[in-house]
Amino acid sequence: MTPPEGRRSTVSVVIPCRDELTALPRLVEALRRQSLQPDEVVVADGMSTDGTRQVLADLAASDPRVVVVDNPDRTVPAAMNVLLARATGDYVARMDTHAEYAPDYLEAVVGVLDRDPGAVAVGSAMATAGRGRWGRAIAAVLGRRIGLGGASHRVGGAAGPVPHVFSGCYRRSAVLEAGGWDERLRANEDFEADQRVGRLGRILLEPSATSTWYVREAPRALAVQMWRYGFYKALTLRLHPDSLKVRQLAPPAVVAGLLATTAVRPRAGLGLLAAYLAVAGAAGARAASADGADAWRGAVVPPVVHLSWGAGLLAGTVRFAGVRRRGGAAEDGS
């Protein structure tokens, strides 16, 4: 990586990392190929045990711009706060080990912040990809509205203001003023932080910047991930009720409706479940077939996503019912 020249604003790439021996080299290569090189790369390692730490040590020894810090809490929001405290750039650009970035990614997102003083964060258009037969089927579904809904960065939204971006590039001063990342959220921490950062200026989608997110590669891993997403989405909605989208009510409504109907009329509940599985499965099969993945695997994905996310949201709504807001701040009343 060659240090940048002739820039007034400085850029810190920040990377949360834990046990990423396989994925880390791909991200390092993506950084080396960037047309705009960062001033520093700060990695927060969550006490990896798979050999990642040695790779990071070798990287830091070969490039003086690379700094490795510990994240003993081993969670993403804790890592982001450690990174924010250590970073020195005017901008902090989060880059994830489970994603790939186009060679002009940093140039595109940093360029928006350089040109627009009213922007506090910029994110890329995000493609969804998977490895293996299950990964390809999961990616086909999650890349469409039938999967994770219609977030602009996922479905080819136009350039302009959005409530949230994937792997954002932020003005460091804005993130500091907003209070960093809420460490109670073990998932959905990026969306929640964007709700606070977005009060200080515009969060923008820049479609000319492109990235690719790699999905889970097995139904069980996907179910666990989606349950966590739903569970902590409930806390986000508790803290920011105005961020609720009507479409987000569909999965918990399906779960609640199936449970309630089955409890009162079991045969009717089974019929309702069969109807849902037929409709959702058909949509997933079509998505997978369109992308060249296995149709039957695609048929499995929407129910896994919807039911796991919906159940997680319902469980989280109960768990975080004691969180209350006082004077604009959230406190846990439990």
Protein backbone atom coordinates (compact mmCIF):
# COMPACT_ATOMS: atom_id res chain seq x y z
CA MET A 1 0.00 0.00 0.00
CA THR A 2 1.38 3.38 -1.04
CA PRO A 3 0.66 6.39 1.21
CA PRO A 4 -1.59 9.07 -0.28
CA GLU A 5 -0.17 12.33 -1.52
CA GLY A 6 -1.56 15.85 -1.89
CA ARG A 7 -4.70 15.47 0.25
CA ARG A 8 -5.89 17.85 2.93
CA SER A 9 -8.42 15.51 4.56
CA THR A 10 -7.10 12.29 6.09
CA VAL A 11 -8.69 8.86 6.03
CA SER A 12 -8.56 6.06 8.58
CA VAL A 13 -9.79 2.65 7.48
CA VAL A 14 -11.14 0.85 10.54
CA ILE A 15 -11.65 -2.92 10.62
CA PRO A 16 -13.37 -4.98 13.34
CA CYS A 17 -11.91 -8.47 13.24
CA ARG A 18 -12.05 -11.79 15.10
CA ASP A 19 -10.86 -15.20 13.88
CA GLU A 20 -10.73 -14.14 10.22
CA LEU A 21 -7.66 -16.06 9.04
CA THR A 22 -9.37 -17.03 5.78
CA ALA A 23 -11.13 -13.76 4.97
CA LEU A 24 -8.50 -11.25 6.10
CA PRO A 25 -6.09 -11.69 3.14
CA ARG A 26 -8.89 -10.79 0.69
CA LEU A 27 -9.55 -7.55 2.51
CA VAL A 28 -5.83 -6.73 2.66
CA GLU A 29 -5.63 -7.24 -1.11
CA ALA A 30 -8.68 -5.01 -1.62
CA LEU A 31 -6.94 -2.29 0.39
CA ARG A 32 -3.79 -2.59 -1.66
CA ARG A 33 -5.80 -2.12 -4.85
CA GLN A 34 -7.55 1.06 -3.71
CA SER A 35 -7.02 4.01 -6.03
CA LEU A 36 -7.12 6.28 -2.97
CA GLN A 37 -4.87 4.91 -0.27
CA PRO A 38 -5.79 5.49 3.40
CA ASP A 39 -3.52 7.39 5.74
CA GLU A 40 -3.83 4.62 8.31
CA VAL A 41 -5.47 1.23 8.76
CA VAL A 42 -6.57 0.41 12.30
CA VAL A 43 -7.66 -3.15 13.09
CA ALA A 44 -9.41 -4.10 16.34
CA ASP A 45 -8.84 -7.79 16.98
CA GLY A 46 -11.30 -9.61 19.24
CA MET A 47 -8.60 -11.83 20.78
CA SER A 48 -8.45 -14.20 17.80
CA THR A 49 -7.22 -17.76 18.34
CA ASP A 50 -7.04 -19.05 14.75
CA GLY A 51 -3.77 -17.44 13.62
CA THR A 52 -5.30 -14.07 12.69
CA ARG A 53 -3.16 -12.24 15.23
CA GLN A 54 0.07 -13.39 13.60
CA VAL A 55 -1.17 -12.27 10.20
CA LEU A 56 -2.00 -8.87 11.67
CA ALA A 57 1.38 -8.63 13.40
CA ASP A 58 3.16 -9.41 10.12
CA LEU A 59 1.03 -6.82 8.33
CA ALA A 60 1.80 -4.13 10.91
CA ALA A 61 5.51 -4.95 10.72
CA SER A 62 5.51 -4.53 6.93
CA ASP A 63 3.44 -1.32 6.76
CA PRO A 64 3.86 1.52 9.29
CA ARG A 65 0.33 2.74 8.58
CA VAL A 66 -1.20 -0.45 10.01
CA VAL A 67 -2.08 -0.36 13.70
CA VAL A 68 -3.49 -3.36 15.60
CA VAL A 69 -5.41 -2.84 18.85
CA ASP A 70 -7.11 -5.33 21.15
CA ASN A 71 -10.86 -5.66 21.58
CA PRO A 72 -11.20 -7.74 24.77
CA ASP A 73 -15.00 -7.43 24.74
CA ARG A 74 -15.04 -9.32 21.41
CA THR A 75 -18.16 -7.59 20.09
CA VAL A 76 -18.49 -5.43 16.98
CA PRO A 77 -19.75 -2.23 18.69
CA ALA A 78 -16.98 -2.46 21.26
CA ALA A 79 -14.50 -2.91 18.43
CA MET A 80 -15.87 0.13 16.64
CA ASN A 81 -15.49 2.28 19.74
CA VAL A 82 -11.91 1.06 20.24
CA LEU A 83 -11.22 1.88 16.61
CA LEU A 84 -12.85 5.31 16.89
CA ALA A 85 -10.71 6.14 19.92
CA ARG A 86 -7.51 5.13 18.13
CA ALA A 87 -8.22 6.51 14.65
CA THR A 88 -6.77 9.92 13.79
CA GLY A 89 -8.24 10.58 10.33
CA ASP A 90 -10.77 13.25 9.47
CA TYR A 91 -12.84 10.39 8.04
CA VAL A 92 -13.23 6.85 9.36
CA ALA A 93 -14.14 4.27 6.73
CA ARG A 94 -15.37 0.95 8.09
CA MET A 95 -14.36 -2.06 6.02
CA ASP A 96 -15.46 -5.58 6.94
CA THR A 97 -13.66 -8.87 6.46
CA HIS A 98 -16.80 -10.53 5.06
CA ALA A 99 -17.06 -8.02 2.23
CA GLU A 100 -15.20 -7.07 -0.92
CA TYR A 101 -14.67 -3.53 -2.18
CA ALA A 102 -14.17 -2.16 -5.68
CA PRO A 103 -10.74 -0.57 -6.33
CA ASP A 104 -12.30 2.91 -6.44
CA TYR A 105 -14.46 2.39 -3.35
CA LEU A 106 -12.56 4.69 -1.00
CA GLU A 107 -12.06 7.30 -3.71
CA ALA A 108 -15.81 7.41 -4.35
CA VAL A 109 -17.03 7.64 -0.74
CA VAL A 110 -14.30 10.01 0.41
CA GLY A 111 -14.93 12.18 -2.64
CA VAL A 112 -18.54 12.72 -1.57
CA LEU A 113 -17.48 13.86 1.91
CA ASP A 114 -14.83 16.14 0.42
CA ARG A 115 -17.36 17.79 -1.89
CA ASP A 116 -20.37 17.98 0.43
CA PRO A 117 -19.80 19.62 3.82
CA GLY A 118 -23.38 18.77 4.84
CA ALA A 119 -22.77 15.03 4.54
CA VAL A 120 -21.72 13.17 7.68
CA ALA A 121 -21.59 9.65 6.23
CA VAL A 122 -21.50 7.93 2.85
CA GLY A 123 -22.08 4.31 1.91
CA SER A 124 -21.91 2.13 -1.17
CA ALA A 125 -24.31 0.13 -3.26
CA MET A 126 -24.06 -3.39 -1.89
CA ALA A 127 -24.21 -6.57 -3.93
CA THR A 128 -24.96 -9.85 -2.16
CA ALA A 129 -22.94 -12.99 -2.89
CA GLY A 130 -22.46 -16.46 -1.48
CA ARG A 131 -20.07 -19.38 -1.73
CA GLY A 132 -21.19 -22.97 -2.17
CA ARG A 133 -24.66 -24.21 -3.07
CA TRP A 134 -26.34 -22.93 0.05
CA GLY A 135 -24.44 -19.66 -0.02
CA ARG A 136 -25.52 -18.92 -3.59
CA ALA A 137 -29.16 -19.70 -2.81
CA ILE A 138 -29.10 -17.56 0.34
CA ALA A 139 -27.49 -14.67 -1.55
CA ALA A 140 -30.12 -14.86 -4.29
CA VAL A 141 -32.89 -14.36 -1.73
CA LEU A 142 -31.18 -11.82 0.53
CA GLY A 143 -30.37 -9.65 -2.46
CA ARG A 144 -34.08 -9.17 -3.17
CA ARG A 145 -36.98 -7.58 -1.32
CA ILE A 146 -38.32 -11.01 -0.38
CA GLY A 147 -35.23 -11.44 1.79
CA LEU A 148 -34.21 -8.50 3.97
CA GLY A 149 -36.63 -5.93 2.59
CA GLY A 150 -36.04 -2.89 0.47
CA ALA A 151 -33.10 -0.99 1.98
CA SER A 152 -31.76 1.33 -0.72
CA HIS A 153 -28.18 0.08 -0.57
CA ARG A 154 -29.39 -3.50 -1.12
CA VAL A 155 -31.78 -2.99 -4.03
CA GLY A 156 -30.09 -0.49 -6.31
CA GLY A 157 -31.31 2.77 -4.80
CA ALA A 158 -30.48 6.12 -6.36
CA ALA A 159 -27.86 8.51 -5.03
CA GLY A 160 -29.12 10.66 -2.20
CA PRO A 161 -30.08 10.75 1.48
CA VAL A 162 -30.82 7.45 3.21
CA PRO A 163 -31.35 6.49 6.87
CA HIS A 164 -28.57 3.91 6.89
CA VAL A 165 -25.59 2.73 4.85
CA PHE A 166 -23.56 -0.48 4.76
CA SER A 167 -19.93 -0.24 5.88
CA GLY A 168 -20.10 3.56 6.01
CA CYS A 169 -17.41 6.20 5.69
CA TYR A 170 -18.01 8.84 8.39
CA ARG A 171 -16.75 12.21 9.49
CA ARG A 172 -14.97 11.19 12.67
CA SER A 173 -16.08 14.38 14.42
CA ALA A 174 -19.74 13.51 13.76
CA VAL A 175 -19.42 9.99 15.17
CA LEU A 176 -17.67 11.33 18.25
CA GLU A 177 -20.38 13.94 18.75
CA ALA A 178 -23.07 11.28 18.33
CA GLY A 179 -21.47 9.14 21.04
CA GLY A 180 -20.00 6.29 19.01
CA TRP A 181 -21.58 2.85 18.89
CA ASP A 182 -24.00 1.53 21.52
CA GLU A 183 -22.31 -1.53 23.00
CA ARG A 184 -25.61 -3.06 24.17
CA LEU A 185 -26.39 -3.96 20.57
CA ARG A 186 -24.64 -7.18 19.55
CA ALA A 187 -26.21 -6.76 16.11
CA ASN A 188 -27.90 -3.87 14.29
CA GLU A 189 -25.35 -1.58 15.94
CA ASP A 190 -24.55 0.09 12.62
CA PHE A 191 -28.16 1.03 11.89
CA GLU A 192 -28.68 2.35 15.42
CA ALA A 193 -25.54 4.48 15.26
CA ASP A 194 -26.66 5.91 11.92
CA GLN A 195 -29.88 7.11 13.55
CA ARG A 196 -27.85 9.33 15.86
CA VAL A 197 -25.19 10.36 13.37
CA GLY A 198 -27.92 11.24 10.87
CA ARG A 199 -29.25 13.94 13.18
CA LEU A 200 -26.03 15.88 12.61
CA GLY A 201 -26.17 15.92 8.81
CA ARG A 202 -27.02 13.86 5.75
CA ILE A 203 -26.21 10.20 5.32
CA LEU A 204 -25.79 9.56 1.61
CA LEU A 205 -25.87 6.55 -0.68
CA GLU A 206 -23.26 6.73 -3.44
CA PRO A 207 -24.08 4.05 -6.05
CA SER A 208 -20.80 4.60 -7.92
CA ALA A 209 -19.07 3.08 -4.89
CA THR A 210 -19.64 -0.66 -4.88
CA SER A 211 -19.10 -3.44 -2.38
CA THR A 212 -20.09 -7.07 -2.06
CA TRP A 213 -21.34 -8.69 1.14
CA TYR A 214 -20.86 -12.45 1.59
CA VAL A 215 -23.73 -14.27 3.28
CA ARG A 216 -23.76 -17.25 5.63
CA GLU A 217 -23.29 -20.60 3.94
CA ALA A 218 -25.71 -22.86 5.83
CA PRO A 219 -29.39 -22.59 6.90
CA ARG A 220 -28.59 -23.00 10.61
CA ALA A 221 -26.00 -20.23 10.57
CA LEU A 222 -28.45 -18.04 8.66
CA ALA A 223 -31.20 -18.73 11.22
CA VAL A 224 -28.92 -17.75 14.12
CA GLN A 225 -27.84 -14.59 12.32
CA MET A 226 -31.41 -13.56 11.48
CA TRP A 227 -32.63 -14.22 15.01
CA ARG A 228 -29.88 -11.96 16.35
CA TYR A 229 -30.74 -9.29 13.79
CA GLY A 230 -34.38 -9.35 14.85
CA PHE A 231 -33.61 -9.48 18.58
CA TYR A 232 -31.41 -6.39 18.52
CA LYS A 233 -33.63 -4.64 16.00
CA ALA A 234 -36.17 -4.62 18.83
CA LEU A 235 -33.75 -2.62 20.98
CA THR A 236 -33.08 -0.23 18.11
CA LEU A 237 -36.83 0.33 17.68
CA ARG A 238 -37.15 0.90 21.42
CA LEU A 239 -34.46 3.58 21.25
CA HIS A 240 -35.62 5.02 17.91
CA PRO A 241 -39.32 4.24 17.41
CA ASP A 242 -39.50 6.67 14.49
CA SER A 243 -37.16 4.37 12.52
CA LEU A 244 -39.84 1.69 12.19
CA LYS A 245 -40.81 0.73 8.63
CA VAL A 246 -44.18 -0.89 7.97
CA ARG A 247 -42.52 -3.75 6.08
CA GLN A 248 -40.63 -4.67 9.26
CA LEU A 249 -43.90 -5.66 10.90
CA ALA A 250 -44.54 -8.47 8.43
CA PRO A 251 -42.17 -11.16 9.86
CA PRO A 252 -43.26 -10.80 13.52
CA ALA A 253 -46.89 -10.62 12.35
CA VAL A 254 -46.44 -13.93 10.51
CA VAL A 255 -44.85 -15.57 13.56
CA ALA A 256 -47.45 -14.19 15.98
CA GLY A 257 -50.32 -15.07 13.63
CA LEU A 258 -49.13 -18.65 13.18
CA LEU A 259 -48.65 -19.14 16.91
CA ALA A 260 -51.98 -17.60 17.86
CA THR A 261 -53.95 -19.48 15.22
CA THR A 262 -52.29 -22.80 16.05
CA ALA A 263 -52.96 -22.33 19.77
CA VAL A 264 -56.68 -21.73 19.19
CA ARG A 265 -57.28 -23.94 16.15
CA PRO A 266 -54.36 -26.29 15.48
CA ARG A 267 -55.62 -27.55 12.12
CA ALA A 268 -56.22 -24.02 10.90
CA GLY A 269 -52.76 -23.06 12.13
CA LEU A 270 -51.17 -25.88 10.16
CA GLY A 271 -53.10 -24.83 7.07
CA LEU A 272 -51.96 -21.25 7.49
CA LEU A 273 -48.35 -22.43 7.90
CA ALA A 274 -48.61 -24.55 4.76
CA ALA A 275 -49.98 -21.59 2.79
CA TYR A 276 -47.19 -19.31 4.01
CA LEU A 277 -44.49 -21.88 3.22
CA ALA A 278 -45.92 -22.36 -0.28
CA VAL A 279 -45.95 -18.64 -1.08
CA ALA A 280 -42.61 -17.80 0.53
CA GLY A 281 -40.96 -20.92 -0.81
CA ALA A 282 -42.12 -20.23 -4.36
CA ALA A 283 -40.69 -16.71 -4.19
CA GLY A 284 -37.38 -18.05 -2.90
CA ALA A 285 -37.23 -20.73 -5.58
CA ARG A 286 -37.80 -18.16 -8.32
CA ALA A 287 -35.06 -15.91 -6.93
CA ALA A 288 -32.59 -18.77 -6.73
CA SER A 289 -33.40 -20.05 -10.21
CA ALA A 290 -32.99 -16.56 -11.67
CA ASP A 291 -29.45 -16.44 -10.25
CA GLY A 292 -28.52 -19.96 -11.26
CA ALA A 293 -28.77 -21.40 -7.73
CA ASP A 294 -30.70 -24.48 -6.58
CA ALA A 295 -34.42 -23.76 -6.54
CA TRP A 296 -35.19 -26.08 -3.63
CA ARG A 297 -32.52 -24.45 -1.50
CA GLY A 298 -33.90 -21.05 -2.45
CA ALA A 299 -37.35 -22.20 -1.32
CA VAL A 300 -35.99 -22.90 2.16
CA VAL A 301 -34.37 -19.50 2.63
CA PRO A 302 -37.36 -17.07 2.96
CA PRO A 303 -39.04 -19.02 5.79
CA VAL A 304 -35.71 -19.28 7.63
CA VAL A 305 -35.16 -15.53 7.28
CA HIS A 306 -38.72 -14.40 8.04
CA LEU A 307 -39.48 -16.75 10.93
CA SER A 308 -36.09 -16.37 12.62
CA TRP A 309 -36.04 -12.58 12.28
CA GLY A 310 -39.68 -12.28 13.35
CA ALA A 311 -39.20 -14.54 16.38
CA GLY A 312 -36.10 -12.61 17.35
CA LEU A 313 -37.94 -9.30 17.12
CA LEU A 314 -40.78 -10.59 19.31
CA ALA A 315 -38.32 -11.96 21.88
CA GLY A 316 -36.37 -8.72 21.84
CA THR A 317 -39.52 -6.65 22.26
CA VAL A 318 -40.20 -8.52 25.50
CA ARG A 319 -36.59 -8.41 26.66
CA PHE A 320 -36.10 -4.71 26.06
CA ALA A 321 -39.50 -3.54 27.26
CA GLY A 322 -37.77 -2.10 30.35
CA VAL A 323 -35.52 0.19 28.32
CA ARG A 324 -36.89 3.69 28.64
CA ARG A 325 -35.90 7.08 27.31
CA ARG A 326 -35.14 10.00 29.57
CA GLY A 327 -34.23 13.40 28.23
CA GLY A 328 -33.38 11.94 24.85
CA ALA A 329 -31.11 9.25 26.32
CA ALA A 330 -32.00 5.60 26.70
CA GLU A 331 -31.65 3.79 29.98
CA ASP A 332 -32.24 0.17 30.93
CA GLY A 333 -34.97 -0.02 33.52
CA SER A 334 -34.56 -3.76 34.07
